[in-house]
Amino acid sequence: MAVPQNRKTPSKRGMHRSHDHLANPPTAIEPTTGEVHLRHHISPTGFYRGKKVVRSKGE
């Protein structure tokens, strides 16, 4: 079984993984308000999957 002789440092590990990021993060459109937000995150107005989940200060 192949085992590396020297352990990879956290710095070198981070450099190795630096190319794994996505160019454009996936976005979703909120069906009720039409806002664009990150997938699996609430929209800026507090909606998630068509339901109001966070109340703003004015409400």
C-alpha atoms as a PDB file:
ATOM      1  CA  MET A   1       0.000   0.000   0.000  1.00  0.00           C
ATOM      2  CA  ALA A   2       1.401   3.405  -0.958  1.00  0.00           C
ATOM      3  CA  VAL A   3       1.991   5.717   2.002  1.00  0.00           C
ATOM      4  CA  PRO A   4       3.535   9.195   1.654  1.00  0.00           C
ATOM      5  CA  GLN A   5       6.908   9.435   3.379  1.00  0.00           C
ATOM      6  CA  ASN A   6       6.407  13.044   4.493  1.00  0.00           C
ATOM      7  CA  ARG A   7       3.218  14.641   5.689  1.00  0.00           C
ATOM      8  CA  LYS A   8       1.822  17.508   3.592  1.00  0.00           C
ATOM      9  CA  THR A   9       1.719  20.756   5.572  1.00  0.00           C
ATOM     10  CA  PRO A  10      -1.557  22.716   5.900  1.00  0.00           C
ATOM     11  CA  SER A  11      -0.091  25.442   3.694  1.00  0.00           C
ATOM     12  CA  LYS A  12       0.735  23.041   0.866  1.00  0.00           C
ATOM     13  CA  ARG A  13      -2.615  21.290   1.327  1.00  0.00           C
ATOM     14  CA  GLY A  14      -4.364  24.643   0.913  1.00  0.00           C
ATOM     15  CA  MET A  15      -2.365  25.384  -2.240  1.00  0.00           C
ATOM     16  CA  HIS A  16      -3.362  21.999  -3.637  1.00  0.00           C
ATOM     17  CA  ARG A  17      -7.046  22.720  -3.025  1.00  0.00           C
ATOM     18  CA  SER A  18      -6.961  26.283  -4.319  1.00  0.00           C
ATOM     19  CA  HIS A  19      -8.140  25.218  -7.780  1.00  0.00           C
ATOM     20  CA  ASP A  20     -11.172  23.299  -6.520  1.00  0.00           C
ATOM     21  CA  HIS A  21     -13.425  26.314  -6.034  1.00  0.00           C
ATOM     22  CA  LEU A  22     -16.377  26.950  -8.336  1.00  0.00           C
ATOM     23  CA  ALA A  23     -16.161  29.827 -10.775  1.00  0.00           C
ATOM     24  CA  ASN A  24     -19.782  30.952 -10.376  1.00  0.00           C
ATOM     25  CA  PRO A  25     -21.703  29.933  -7.250  1.00  0.00           C
ATOM     26  CA  PRO A  26     -25.055  28.279  -7.961  1.00  0.00           C
ATOM     27  CA  THR A  27     -27.950  30.669  -7.498  1.00  0.00           C
ATOM     28  CA  ALA A  28     -31.677  30.192  -7.156  1.00  0.00           C
ATOM     29  CA  ILE A  29     -34.651  32.435  -7.862  1.00  0.00           C
ATOM     30  CA  GLU A  30     -37.157  32.898  -5.061  1.00  0.00           C
ATOM     31  CA  PRO A  31     -40.592  31.972  -6.504  1.00  0.00           C
ATOM     32  CA  THR A  32     -42.599  34.535  -4.502  1.00  0.00           C
ATOM     33  CA  THR A  33     -40.383  37.618  -4.829  1.00  0.00           C
ATOM     34  CA  GLY A  34     -38.219  36.758  -7.849  1.00  0.00           C
ATOM     35  CA  GLU A  35     -34.999  37.580  -5.971  1.00  0.00           C
ATOM     36  CA  VAL A  36     -31.756  35.803  -6.762  1.00  0.00           C
ATOM     37  CA  HIS A  37     -29.941  34.193  -3.815  1.00  0.00           C
ATOM     38  CA  LEU A  38     -27.508  31.384  -3.069  1.00  0.00           C
ATOM     39  CA  ARG A  39     -29.042  27.928  -3.149  1.00  0.00           C
ATOM     40  CA  HIS A  40     -30.061  26.561   0.281  1.00  0.00           C
ATOM     41  CA  HIS A  41     -29.888  30.084   1.778  1.00  0.00           C
ATOM     42  CA  ILE A  42     -32.680  32.515   2.567  1.00  0.00           C
ATOM     43  CA  SER A  43     -33.263  35.478   0.273  1.00  0.00           C
ATOM     44  CA  PRO A  44     -32.370  39.016   1.435  1.00  0.00           C
ATOM     45  CA  THR A  45     -36.010  39.681   2.368  1.00  0.00           C
ATOM     46  CA  GLY A  46     -36.279  36.544   4.544  1.00  0.00           C
ATOM     47  CA  PHE A  47     -38.043  34.094   2.208  1.00  0.00           C
ATOM     48  CA  TYR A  48     -37.021  30.450   1.740  1.00  0.00           C
ATOM     49  CA  ARG A  49     -38.768  28.181  -0.756  1.00  0.00           C
ATOM     50  CA  GLY A  50     -41.775  30.490  -0.991  1.00  0.00           C
ATOM     51  CA  LYS A  51     -42.339  30.942   2.756  1.00  0.00           C
ATOM     52  CA  LYS A  52     -41.417  33.838   5.023  1.00  0.00           C
ATOM     53  CA  VAL A  53     -38.973  32.398   7.569  1.00  0.00           C
ATOM     54  CA  VAL A  54     -37.334  35.519   9.051  1.00  0.00           C
ATOM     55  CA  ARG A  55     -39.151  38.630  10.174  1.00  0.00           C
ATOM     56  CA  SER A  56     -37.583  42.004   9.476  1.00  0.00           C
ATOM     57  CA  LYS A  57     -37.399  44.797  12.063  1.00  0.00           C
ATOM     58  CA  GLY A  58     -40.353  46.632  10.506  1.00  0.00           C
ATOM     59  CA  GLU A  59     -42.762  43.736  10.947  1.00  0.00           C
END
